Amino acid sequence: MTLPTPHPASHPPPESPLPPGSPAPPAPPADKSRRRIVTERFLRHRLAVVGLVVLLGLMVCCYGADWVAPHPRNAQDILTGALPPSGEHWLGTDDLGRDYLTELLFAGQISLTVGLGVAFLSTAVGTLVGAVSGLLGGWVDELIMRITDLFLVVPAIALLALAMQTLSPSPLTMVLVLAGLGWTVIARVVRSQVISLREKEFVQAAQVLGASRTQIVLRHLLPNLTGVIIVNASLAVAAAIILESTLSFLGFGIQPPQSSWGNLLNQAAGLVGTPKDYLLYAPGVAILLTVLAVNFLGDGLRDAFDQQSRQS
């Protein structure tokens, strides 16, 4: 018995190839990378963008003070003394006749260096300690957390004043002491994140495949902690600048001939209500702008990474 031949119309005609010279059909849109998504969300945070611009502007002006400053550093004119702001001296001059804008920019080098140095060291140490504590657990975790609690109860200002009086009152001493006290916050945050991540399937799969603990931390845990680390590092900058300014204002911090914003505040502390009180405003505004910029930047980074984590 022969099968009936199907009607030619029952088979759809094959698609004809594109004519020569015709454009290719558009490719489907590729998924956005995580970096691009985070960047777009950060750029939508207007205060964070403003904070980033202000912070970068301060860093460029302070670290480039040799080229940006309107007058040479420590160029004194004792005969003129303190002059109010004018076209030649935008922020006036101090009692030694030095251009105050120039001194403010060079003082910002130390204040910003202390803030950035403390943020880098405390973040590095805190991330390492928190990752080890959260990954190992058990008595190691308990011991590290008790040591962390011990550092948390140490009064930072008192210890800093003692260290600056005992050791050399230098920016390096301040960075080391502040970093030695500031790693505890990021350590506790990283530990809690590692404890939650170590139960995830990708970490357990890496353990089954024979990955060492170092490989698990470097390849699997730290990439997932990038947002937390960056946000806490940005906040550490502001905290370090405030502590440095407070200590220098109290007279226990940076000592002349070196100067910082807190040091300039200390020198102008007795000028409130006098014709020379303009010397007090400039360093105070510089500290305020820097702290606000860093805090806005931290808020924007937190929102960008948090939204990304909710989407993932």
C-alpha atoms as a PDB file:
ATOM      1  CA  MET A   1       0.000   0.000   0.000  1.00  0.00           C
ATOM      2  CA  THR A   2       1.446   3.306  -1.056  1.00  0.00           C
ATOM      3  CA  LEU A   3       1.234   6.287   1.257  1.00  0.00           C
ATOM      4  CA  PRO A   4      -0.483   9.372  -0.152  1.00  0.00           C
ATOM      5  CA  THR A   5       1.834  12.080  -1.301  1.00  0.00           C
ATOM      6  CA  PRO A   6       1.363  15.204   0.826  1.00  0.00           C
ATOM      7  CA  HIS A   7       0.193  18.310  -0.933  1.00  0.00           C
ATOM      8  CA  PRO A   8       2.998  20.746  -1.621  1.00  0.00           C
ATOM      9  CA  ALA A   9       1.108  23.507   0.176  1.00  0.00           C
ATOM     10  CA  SER A  10       1.341  21.587   3.472  1.00  0.00           C
ATOM     11  CA  HIS A  11       5.052  22.404   3.759  1.00  0.00           C
ATOM     12  CA  PRO A  12       5.980  26.062   4.437  1.00  0.00           C
ATOM     13  CA  PRO A  13       8.274  27.482   1.801  1.00  0.00           C
ATOM     14  CA  PRO A  14      11.884  27.888   2.899  1.00  0.00           C
ATOM     15  CA  GLU A  15      12.934  31.334   3.980  1.00  0.00           C
ATOM     16  CA  SER A  16      14.582  33.193   1.206  1.00  0.00           C
ATOM     17  CA  PRO A  17      18.080  34.480   1.946  1.00  0.00           C
ATOM     18  CA  LEU A  18      18.629  38.208   2.323  1.00  0.00           C
ATOM     19  CA  PRO A  19      19.278  39.945  -0.963  1.00  0.00           C
ATOM     20  CA  PRO A  20      22.869  40.995  -1.563  1.00  0.00           C
ATOM     21  CA  GLY A  21      23.808  44.282   0.013  1.00  0.00           C
ATOM     22  CA  SER A  22      20.924  44.357   2.488  1.00  0.00           C
ATOM     23  CA  PRO A  23      21.795  45.141   6.146  1.00  0.00           C
ATOM     24  CA  ALA A  24      21.921  42.296   8.637  1.00  0.00           C
ATOM     25  CA  PRO A  25      19.091  42.095  11.172  1.00  0.00           C
ATOM     26  CA  PRO A  26      19.882  43.770  14.485  1.00  0.00           C
ATOM     27  CA  ALA A  27      21.367  41.502  17.123  1.00  0.00           C
ATOM     28  CA  PRO A  28      19.416  41.020  20.347  1.00  0.00           C
ATOM     29  CA  PRO A  29      20.519  43.461  23.061  1.00  0.00           C
ATOM     30  CA  ALA A  30      23.254  42.063  25.286  1.00  0.00           C
ATOM     31  CA  ASP A  31      22.789  41.975  29.011  1.00  0.00           C
ATOM     32  CA  LYS A  32      24.312  44.911  30.821  1.00  0.00           C
ATOM     33  CA  SER A  33      27.379  44.172  32.855  1.00  0.00           C
ATOM     34  CA  ARG A  34      27.245  44.560  36.575  1.00  0.00           C
ATOM     35  CA  ARG A  35      29.727  47.431  36.453  1.00  0.00           C
ATOM     36  CA  ARG A  36      27.579  49.320  33.973  1.00  0.00           C
ATOM     37  CA  ILE A  37      24.419  48.824  36.025  1.00  0.00           C
ATOM     38  CA  VAL A  38      26.116  50.040  39.189  1.00  0.00           C
ATOM     39  CA  THR A  39      27.552  53.037  37.329  1.00  0.00           C
ATOM     40  CA  GLU A  40      24.166  54.025  35.916  1.00  0.00           C
ATOM     41  CA  ARG A  41      22.502  53.794  39.317  1.00  0.00           C
ATOM     42  CA  PHE A  42      25.280  55.788  40.919  1.00  0.00           C
ATOM     43  CA  LEU A  43      24.992  58.532  38.275  1.00  0.00           C
ATOM     44  CA  ARG A  44      21.274  58.836  39.049  1.00  0.00           C
ATOM     45  CA  HIS A  45      22.201  59.764  42.635  1.00  0.00           C
ATOM     46  CA  ARG A  46      22.762  63.488  42.084  1.00  0.00           C
ATOM     47  CA  LEU A  47      24.187  64.283  45.520  1.00  0.00           C
ATOM     48  CA  ALA A  48      26.675  61.437  45.161  1.00  0.00           C
ATOM     49  CA  VAL A  49      27.828  62.778  41.788  1.00  0.00           C
ATOM     50  CA  VAL A  50      28.203  66.261  43.254  1.00  0.00           C
ATOM     51  CA  GLY A  51      30.131  64.808  46.187  1.00  0.00           C
ATOM     52  CA  LEU A  52      32.468  62.962  43.831  1.00  0.00           C
ATOM     53  CA  VAL A  53      33.101  66.123  41.791  1.00  0.00           C
ATOM     54  CA  VAL A  54      33.753  68.209  44.912  1.00  0.00           C
ATOM     55  CA  LEU A  55      36.085  65.593  46.400  1.00  0.00           C
ATOM     56  CA  LEU A  56      38.048  65.213  43.159  1.00  0.00           C
ATOM     57  CA  GLY A  57      38.259  69.000  42.865  1.00  0.00           C
ATOM     58  CA  LEU A  58      39.640  69.327  46.393  1.00  0.00           C
ATOM     59  CA  MET A  59      42.177  66.581  45.761  1.00  0.00           C
ATOM     60  CA  VAL A  60      43.351  68.154  42.495  1.00  0.00           C
ATOM     61  CA  CYS A  61      43.668  71.617  44.072  1.00  0.00           C
ATOM     62  CA  CYS A  62      45.423  70.413  47.241  1.00  0.00           C
ATOM     63  CA  TYR A  63      47.808  67.879  45.728  1.00  0.00           C
ATOM     64  CA  GLY A  64      48.462  70.226  42.826  1.00  0.00           C
ATOM     65  CA  ALA A  65      48.972  73.224  45.106  1.00  0.00           C
ATOM     66  CA  ASP A  66      52.464  73.820  43.684  1.00  0.00           C
ATOM     67  CA  TRP A  67      50.772  74.762  40.399  1.00  0.00           C
ATOM     68  CA  VAL A  68      47.329  75.932  41.595  1.00  0.00           C
ATOM     69  CA  ALA A  69      48.248  78.108  44.607  1.00  0.00           C
ATOM     70  CA  PRO A  70      48.257  81.826  43.741  1.00  0.00           C
ATOM     71  CA  HIS A  71      51.360  82.571  45.825  1.00  0.00           C
ATOM     72  CA  PRO A  72      54.467  80.652  46.945  1.00  0.00           C
ATOM     73  CA  ARG A  73      54.166  78.684  50.144  1.00  0.00           C
ATOM     74  CA  ASN A  74      55.320  80.425  53.350  1.00  0.00           C
ATOM     75  CA  ALA A  75      55.876  83.706  51.476  1.00  0.00           C
ATOM     76  CA  GLN A  76      55.766  86.056  54.486  1.00  0.00           C
ATOM     77  CA  ASP A  77      55.217  89.796  54.645  1.00  0.00           C
ATOM     78  CA  ILE A  78      55.344  90.670  58.326  1.00  0.00           C
ATOM     79  CA  LEU A  79      54.998  94.394  57.644  1.00  0.00           C
ATOM     80  CA  THR A  80      51.527  94.012  56.147  1.00  0.00           C
ATOM     81  CA  GLY A  81      50.381  91.336  58.600  1.00  0.00           C
ATOM     82  CA  ALA A  82      46.814  90.079  58.404  1.00  0.00           C
ATOM     83  CA  LEU A  83      44.799  91.530  55.535  1.00  0.00           C
ATOM     84  CA  PRO A  84      41.119  90.886  54.792  1.00  0.00           C
ATOM     85  CA  PRO A  85      40.100  89.075  51.598  1.00  0.00           C
ATOM     86  CA  SER A  86      40.800  91.048  48.437  1.00  0.00           C
ATOM     87  CA  GLY A  87      41.369  90.588  44.735  1.00  0.00           C
ATOM     88  CA  GLU A  88      45.036  89.755  45.314  1.00  0.00           C
ATOM     89  CA  HIS A  89      44.445  87.509  48.339  1.00  0.00           C
ATOM     90  CA  TRP A  90      41.056  85.811  47.927  1.00  0.00           C
ATOM     91  CA  LEU A  91      40.999  84.496  51.514  1.00  0.00           C
ATOM     92  CA  GLY A  92      43.126  87.234  53.005  1.00  0.00           C
ATOM     93  CA  THR A  93      46.460  86.796  54.757  1.00  0.00           C
ATOM     94  CA  ASP A  94      47.405  85.540  58.215  1.00  0.00           C
ATOM     95  CA  ASP A  95      49.394  87.354  60.908  1.00  0.00           C
ATOM     96  CA  LEU A  96      52.657  86.582  59.097  1.00  0.00           C
ATOM     97  CA  GLY A  97      51.387  88.031  55.840  1.00  0.00           C
ATOM     98  CA  ARG A  98      51.090  84.643  54.112  1.00  0.00           C
ATOM     99  CA  ASP A  99      48.400  84.129  51.516  1.00  0.00           C
ATOM    100  CA  TYR A 100      45.750  82.130  53.340  1.00  0.00           C
ATOM    101  CA  LEU A 101      44.391  80.336  50.272  1.00  0.00           C
ATOM    102  CA  THR A 102      47.887  79.009  49.568  1.00  0.00           C
ATOM    103  CA  GLU A 103      48.308  77.821  53.155  1.00  0.00           C
ATOM    104  CA  LEU A 104      44.852  76.220  53.064  1.00  0.00           C
ATOM    105  CA  LEU A 105      45.665  74.221  49.935  1.00  0.00           C
ATOM    106  CA  PHE A 106      48.967  72.941  51.304  1.00  0.00           C
ATOM    107  CA  ALA A 107      47.342  72.128  54.654  1.00  0.00           C
ATOM    108  CA  GLY A 108      44.753  70.098  52.775  1.00  0.00           C
ATOM    109  CA  GLN A 109      47.492  67.770  51.553  1.00  0.00           C
ATOM    110  CA  ILE A 110      48.053  66.464  55.080  1.00  0.00           C
ATOM    111  CA  SER A 111      44.360  66.296  55.996  1.00  0.00           C
ATOM    112  CA  LEU A 112      43.445  64.393  52.832  1.00  0.00           C
ATOM    113  CA  THR A 113      46.506  62.138  53.102  1.00  0.00           C
ATOM    114  CA  VAL A 114      45.551  61.190  56.643  1.00  0.00           C
ATOM    115  CA  GLY A 115      41.971  60.448  55.588  1.00  0.00           C
ATOM    116  CA  LEU A 116      42.898  58.395  52.526  1.00  0.00           C
ATOM    117  CA  GLY A 117      45.752  56.586  54.283  1.00  0.00           C
ATOM    118  CA  VAL A 118      43.602  55.596  57.233  1.00  0.00           C
ATOM    119  CA  ALA A 119      40.801  54.425  54.936  1.00  0.00           C
ATOM    120  CA  PHE A 120      43.168  52.256  52.892  1.00  0.00           C
ATOM    121  CA  LEU A 121      44.966  50.627  55.839  1.00  0.00           C
ATOM    122  CA  SER A 122      41.909  50.127  58.040  1.00  0.00           C
ATOM    123  CA  THR A 123      39.907  48.687  55.131  1.00  0.00           C
ATOM    124  CA  ALA A 124      42.691  46.272  54.164  1.00  0.00           C
ATOM    125  CA  VAL A 125      43.219  45.039  57.728  1.00  0.00           C
ATOM    126  CA  GLY A 126      39.514  44.928  58.566  1.00  0.00           C
ATOM    127  CA  THR A 127      38.628  43.044  55.394  1.00  0.00           C
ATOM    128  CA  LEU A 128      41.322  40.434  56.019  1.00  0.00           C
ATOM    129  CA  VAL A 129      40.407  39.951  59.683  1.00  0.00           C
ATOM    130  CA  GLY A 130      36.670  39.838  58.991  1.00  0.00           C
ATOM    131  CA  ALA A 131      37.044  37.348  56.139  1.00  0.00           C
ATOM    132  CA  VAL A 132      39.242  35.015  58.197  1.00  0.00           C
ATOM    133  CA  SER A 133      36.941  35.235  61.197  1.00  0.00           C
ATOM    134  CA  GLY A 134      33.763  34.600  59.236  1.00  0.00           C
ATOM    135  CA  LEU A 135      35.192  31.787  57.132  1.00  0.00           C
ATOM    136  CA  LEU A 136      36.918  29.811  59.884  1.00  0.00           C
ATOM    137  CA  GLY A 137      34.291  30.258  62.583  1.00  0.00           C
ATOM    138  CA  GLY A 138      34.518  28.354  65.859  1.00  0.00           C
ATOM    139  CA  TRP A 139      37.000  29.402  68.496  1.00  0.00           C
ATOM    140  CA  VAL A 140      38.998  31.453  65.973  1.00  0.00           C
ATOM    141  CA  ASP A 141      35.959  33.590  65.240  1.00  0.00           C
ATOM    142  CA  GLU A 142      35.225  33.954  68.944  1.00  0.00           C
ATOM    143  CA  LEU A 143      38.788  35.011  69.747  1.00  0.00           C
ATOM    144  CA  ILE A 144      38.962  37.558  66.922  1.00  0.00           C
ATOM    145  CA  MET A 145      35.623  39.079  67.885  1.00  0.00           C
ATOM    146  CA  ARG A 146      36.664  39.485  71.510  1.00  0.00           C
ATOM    147  CA  ILE A 147      39.841  41.254  70.392  1.00  0.00           C
ATOM    148  CA  THR A 148      37.722  43.445  68.128  1.00  0.00           C
ATOM    149  CA  ASP A 149      35.438  44.346  71.038  1.00  0.00           C
ATOM    150  CA  LEU A 150      38.507  45.285  73.063  1.00  0.00           C
ATOM    151  CA  PHE A 151      39.624  47.754  70.384  1.00  0.00           C
ATOM    152  CA  LEU A 152      36.124  49.202  70.144  1.00  0.00           C
ATOM    153  CA  VAL A 153      36.090  50.332  73.774  1.00  0.00           C
ATOM    154  CA  VAL A 154      39.436  52.153  73.517  1.00  0.00           C
ATOM    155  CA  PRO A 155      38.884  55.953  73.466  1.00  0.00           C
ATOM    156  CA  ALA A 156      40.372  57.016  70.148  1.00  0.00           C
ATOM    157  CA  ILE A 157      41.025  60.665  71.023  1.00  0.00           C
ATOM    158  CA  ALA A 158      42.849  59.826  74.278  1.00  0.00           C
ATOM    159  CA  LEU A 159      44.988  57.143  72.655  1.00  0.00           C
ATOM    160  CA  LEU A 160      45.795  59.403  69.720  1.00  0.00           C
ATOM    161  CA  ALA A 161      46.833  62.254  72.006  1.00  0.00           C
ATOM    162  CA  LEU A 162      49.063  59.905  73.997  1.00  0.00           C
ATOM    163  CA  ALA A 163      50.636  58.457  70.848  1.00  0.00           C
ATOM    164  CA  MET A 164      51.272  61.875  69.317  1.00  0.00           C
ATOM    165  CA  GLN A 165      52.908  63.067  72.534  1.00  0.00           C
ATOM    166  CA  THR A 166      55.000  59.932  72.990  1.00  0.00           C
ATOM    167  CA  LEU A 167      55.976  59.348  69.370  1.00  0.00           C
ATOM    168  CA  SER A 168      56.765  61.877  66.674  1.00  0.00           C
ATOM    169  CA  PRO A 169      53.743  64.110  65.948  1.00  0.00           C
ATOM    170  CA  SER A 170      53.778  63.265  62.258  1.00  0.00           C
ATOM    171  CA  PRO A 171      51.057  62.377  59.733  1.00  0.00           C
ATOM    172  CA  LEU A 172      52.454  58.835  59.556  1.00  0.00           C
ATOM    173  CA  THR A 173      51.970  58.335  63.290  1.00  0.00           C
ATOM    174  CA  MET A 174      48.410  59.589  63.048  1.00  0.00           C
ATOM    175  CA  VAL A 175      47.626  57.313  60.099  1.00  0.00           C
ATOM    176  CA  LEU A 176      48.997  54.236  61.856  1.00  0.00           C
ATOM    177  CA  VAL A 177      47.178  54.913  65.126  1.00  0.00           C
ATOM    178  CA  LEU A 178      43.873  55.763  63.456  1.00  0.00           C
ATOM    179  CA  ALA A 179      44.090  52.726  61.186  1.00  0.00           C
ATOM    180  CA  GLY A 180      44.926  50.566  64.213  1.00  0.00           C
ATOM    181  CA  LEU A 181      41.661  51.680  65.794  1.00  0.00           C
ATOM    182  CA  GLY A 182      39.458  51.936  62.707  1.00  0.00           C
ATOM    183  CA  TRP A 183      39.744  48.418  61.271  1.00  0.00           C
ATOM    184  CA  THR A 184      37.220  47.028  63.752  1.00  0.00           C
ATOM    185  CA  VAL A 185      34.127  48.458  62.038  1.00  0.00           C
ATOM    186  CA  ILE A 186      34.835  47.011  58.602  1.00  0.00           C
ATOM    187  CA  ALA A 187      35.969  43.743  60.208  1.00  0.00           C
ATOM    188  CA  ARG A 188      32.583  43.203  61.837  1.00  0.00           C
ATOM    189  CA  VAL A 189      30.710  44.103  58.647  1.00  0.00           C
ATOM    190  CA  VAL A 190      32.816  41.790  56.469  1.00  0.00           C
ATOM    191  CA  ARG A 191      32.523  38.953  59.014  1.00  0.00           C
ATOM    192  CA  SER A 192      28.726  39.109  58.985  1.00  0.00           C
ATOM    193  CA  GLN A 193      28.674  39.112  55.179  1.00  0.00           C
ATOM    194  CA  VAL A 194      31.087  36.173  54.947  1.00  0.00           C
ATOM    195  CA  ILE A 195      29.000  34.146  57.410  1.00  0.00           C
ATOM    196  CA  SER A 196      25.953  34.597  55.185  1.00  0.00           C
ATOM    197  CA  LEU A 197      27.877  33.897  51.966  1.00  0.00           C
ATOM    198  CA  ARG A 198      29.712  30.786  53.135  1.00  0.00           C
ATOM    199  CA  GLU A 199      26.414  28.868  53.173  1.00  0.00           C
ATOM    200  CA  LYS A 200      25.681  29.702  49.551  1.00  0.00           C
ATOM    201  CA  GLU A 201      25.790  26.948  46.946  1.00  0.00           C
ATOM    202  CA  PHE A 202      28.682  28.412  44.958  1.00  0.00           C
ATOM    203  CA  VAL A 203      30.928  28.429  48.040  1.00  0.00           C
ATOM    204  CA  GLN A 204      29.990  24.864  48.967  1.00  0.00           C
ATOM    205  CA  ALA A 205      30.584  23.783  45.364  1.00  0.00           C
ATOM    206  CA  ALA A 206      34.056  25.341  45.468  1.00  0.00           C
ATOM    207  CA  GLN A 207      34.798  23.458  48.687  1.00  0.00           C
ATOM    208  CA  VAL A 208      33.665  20.160  47.125  1.00  0.00           C
ATOM    209  CA  LEU A 209      35.912  20.801  44.121  1.00  0.00           C
ATOM    210  CA  GLY A 210      38.891  21.112  46.444  1.00  0.00           C
ATOM    211  CA  ALA A 211      39.399  24.883  46.468  1.00  0.00           C
ATOM    212  CA  SER A 212      41.534  26.093  49.356  1.00  0.00           C
ATOM    213  CA  ARG A 213      40.265  28.666  51.829  1.00  0.00           C
ATOM    214  CA  THR A 214      42.497  31.306  50.291  1.00  0.00           C
ATOM    215  CA  GLN A 215      41.020  30.617  46.853  1.00  0.00           C
ATOM    216  CA  ILE A 216      37.497  30.741  48.240  1.00  0.00           C
ATOM    217  CA  VAL A 217      38.148  34.123  49.846  1.00  0.00           C
ATOM    218  CA  LEU A 218      39.905  35.679  46.854  1.00  0.00           C
ATOM    219  CA  ARG A 219      37.790  34.230  44.036  1.00  0.00           C
ATOM    220  CA  HIS A 220      34.344  33.842  45.540  1.00  0.00           C
ATOM    221  CA  LEU A 221      33.861  35.939  48.673  1.00  0.00           C
ATOM    222  CA  LEU A 222      35.731  39.189  48.067  1.00  0.00           C
ATOM    223  CA  PRO A 223      34.123  39.878  44.653  1.00  0.00           C
ATOM    224  CA  ASN A 224      30.724  39.675  46.366  1.00  0.00           C
ATOM    225  CA  LEU A 225      31.867  42.048  49.114  1.00  0.00           C
ATOM    226  CA  THR A 226      33.072  44.829  46.817  1.00  0.00           C
ATOM    227  CA  GLY A 227      30.121  47.109  47.510  1.00  0.00           C
ATOM    228  CA  VAL A 228      30.324  46.748  51.282  1.00  0.00           C
ATOM    229  CA  ILE A 229      34.076  47.348  51.285  1.00  0.00           C
ATOM    230  CA  ILE A 230      33.920  50.446  49.069  1.00  0.00           C
ATOM    231  CA  VAL A 231      31.120  52.055  51.066  1.00  0.00           C
ATOM    232  CA  ASN A 232      32.859  51.527  54.403  1.00  0.00           C
ATOM    233  CA  ALA A 233      36.156  52.779  52.983  1.00  0.00           C
ATOM    234  CA  SER A 234      34.522  56.011  51.848  1.00  0.00           C
ATOM    235  CA  LEU A 235      33.006  56.573  55.274  1.00  0.00           C
ATOM    236  CA  ALA A 236      36.372  55.870  56.912  1.00  0.00           C
ATOM    237  CA  VAL A 237      37.864  58.813  55.009  1.00  0.00           C
ATOM    238  CA  ALA A 238      35.400  61.247  56.572  1.00  0.00           C
ATOM    239  CA  ALA A 239      35.836  59.796  60.065  1.00  0.00           C
ATOM    240  CA  ALA A 240      39.635  60.026  59.843  1.00  0.00           C
ATOM    241  CA  ILE A 241      39.556  63.651  58.642  1.00  0.00           C
ATOM    242  CA  ILE A 242      37.248  64.624  61.505  1.00  0.00           C
ATOM    243  CA  LEU A 243      39.449  62.870  64.087  1.00  0.00           C
ATOM    244  CA  GLU A 244      42.612  64.462  62.693  1.00  0.00           C
ATOM    245  CA  SER A 245      41.003  67.902  62.698  1.00  0.00           C
ATOM    246  CA  THR A 246      39.702  67.439  66.230  1.00  0.00           C
ATOM    247  CA  LEU A 247      43.064  66.339  67.564  1.00  0.00           C
ATOM    248  CA  SER A 248      44.942  69.124  65.763  1.00  0.00           C
ATOM    249  CA  PHE A 249      42.393  71.659  66.988  1.00  0.00           C
ATOM    250  CA  LEU A 250      43.045  70.505  70.555  1.00  0.00           C
ATOM    251  CA  GLY A 251      46.781  70.998  70.034  1.00  0.00           C
ATOM    252  CA  PHE A 252      47.796  67.314  70.083  1.00  0.00           C
ATOM    253  CA  GLY A 253      47.907  66.709  66.346  1.00  0.00           C
ATOM    254  CA  ILE A 254      50.015  68.074  63.518  1.00  0.00           C
ATOM    255  CA  GLN A 255      52.505  70.622  64.802  1.00  0.00           C
ATOM    256  CA  PRO A 256      54.091  73.607  62.992  1.00  0.00           C
ATOM    257  CA  PRO A 257      55.853  74.042  60.619  1.00  0.00           C
ATOM    258  CA  GLN A 258      53.534  71.360  59.198  1.00  0.00           C
ATOM    259  CA  SER A 259      49.910  72.372  58.950  1.00  0.00           C
ATOM    260  CA  SER A 260      46.553  70.731  58.429  1.00  0.00           C
ATOM    261  CA  TRP A 261      43.021  72.074  58.370  1.00  0.00           C
ATOM    262  CA  GLY A 262      42.611  71.242  62.046  1.00  0.00           C
ATOM    263  CA  ASN A 263      45.917  72.965  62.787  1.00  0.00           C
ATOM    264  CA  LEU A 264      44.734  76.122  61.010  1.00  0.00           C
ATOM    265  CA  LEU A 265      41.533  76.019  63.047  1.00  0.00           C
ATOM    266  CA  ASN A 266      43.581  75.799  66.229  1.00  0.00           C
ATOM    267  CA  GLN A 267      45.672  78.819  65.258  1.00  0.00           C
ATOM    268  CA  ALA A 268      42.537  80.891  64.529  1.00  0.00           C
ATOM    269  CA  ALA A 269      40.519  79.692  67.533  1.00  0.00           C
ATOM    270  CA  GLY A 270      40.983  82.928  69.477  1.00  0.00           C
ATOM    271  CA  LEU A 271      39.903  85.184  66.626  1.00  0.00           C
ATOM    272  CA  VAL A 272      36.138  84.710  66.947  1.00  0.00           C
ATOM    273  CA  GLY A 273      34.412  88.106  66.958  1.00  0.00           C
ATOM    274  CA  THR A 274      37.541  89.979  65.860  1.00  0.00           C
ATOM    275  CA  PRO A 275      38.245  91.566  62.441  1.00  0.00           C
ATOM    276  CA  LYS A 276      40.450  88.565  61.660  1.00  0.00           C
ATOM    277  CA  ASP A 277      37.780  85.917  62.208  1.00  0.00           C
ATOM    278  CA  TYR A 278      37.826  85.207  58.459  1.00  0.00           C
ATOM    279  CA  LEU A 279      40.856  83.018  59.192  1.00  0.00           C
ATOM    280  CA  LEU A 280      38.522  80.643  61.051  1.00  0.00           C
ATOM    281  CA  TYR A 281      35.971  80.152  58.297  1.00  0.00           C
ATOM    282  CA  ALA A 282      38.122  78.831  55.439  1.00  0.00           C
ATOM    283  CA  PRO A 283      39.488  75.654  57.114  1.00  0.00           C
ATOM    284  CA  GLY A 284      36.111  74.972  58.708  1.00  0.00           C
ATOM    285  CA  VAL A 285      34.349  75.182  55.337  1.00  0.00           C
ATOM    286  CA  ALA A 286      37.048  72.961  53.765  1.00  0.00           C
ATOM    287  CA  ILE A 287      36.493  70.272  56.413  1.00  0.00           C
ATOM    288  CA  LEU A 288      32.719  70.571  56.064  1.00  0.00           C
ATOM    289  CA  LEU A 289      32.801  70.275  52.270  1.00  0.00           C
ATOM    290  CA  THR A 290      35.115  67.269  52.382  1.00  0.00           C
ATOM    291  CA  VAL A 291      33.070  65.389  54.969  1.00  0.00           C
ATOM    292  CA  LEU A 292      29.780  66.114  53.201  1.00  0.00           C
ATOM    293  CA  ALA A 293      31.238  65.103  49.840  1.00  0.00           C
ATOM    294  CA  VAL A 294      32.546  61.811  51.217  1.00  0.00           C
ATOM    295  CA  ASN A 295      29.276  61.039  52.994  1.00  0.00           C
ATOM    296  CA  PHE A 296      27.211  61.773  49.870  1.00  0.00           C
ATOM    297  CA  LEU A 297      29.609  59.621  47.860  1.00  0.00           C
ATOM    298  CA  GLY A 298      29.217  56.779  50.354  1.00  0.00           C
ATOM    299  CA  ASP A 299      25.422  57.060  50.221  1.00  0.00           C
ATOM    300  CA  GLY A 300      25.446  56.868  46.437  1.00  0.00           C
ATOM    301  CA  LEU A 301      27.749  53.857  46.382  1.00  0.00           C
ATOM    302  CA  ARG A 302      25.643  52.079  48.982  1.00  0.00           C
ATOM    303  CA  ASP A 303      22.435  52.651  47.050  1.00  0.00           C
ATOM    304  CA  ALA A 304      24.019  51.559  43.763  1.00  0.00           C
ATOM    305  CA  PHE A 305      25.432  48.320  45.132  1.00  0.00           C
ATOM    306  CA  ASP A 306      22.371  47.548  47.266  1.00  0.00           C
ATOM    307  CA  GLN A 307      20.063  47.859  44.282  1.00  0.00           C
ATOM    308  CA  GLN A 308      22.380  45.666  42.270  1.00  0.00           C
ATOM    309  CA  SER A 309      22.354  43.008  44.979  1.00  0.00           C
ATOM    310  CA  ARG A 310      18.553  43.032  45.041  1.00  0.00           C
ATOM    311  CA  GLN A 311      18.434  42.500  41.294  1.00  0.00           C
ATOM    312  CA  SER A 312      20.970  39.641  41.358  1.00  0.00           C
END
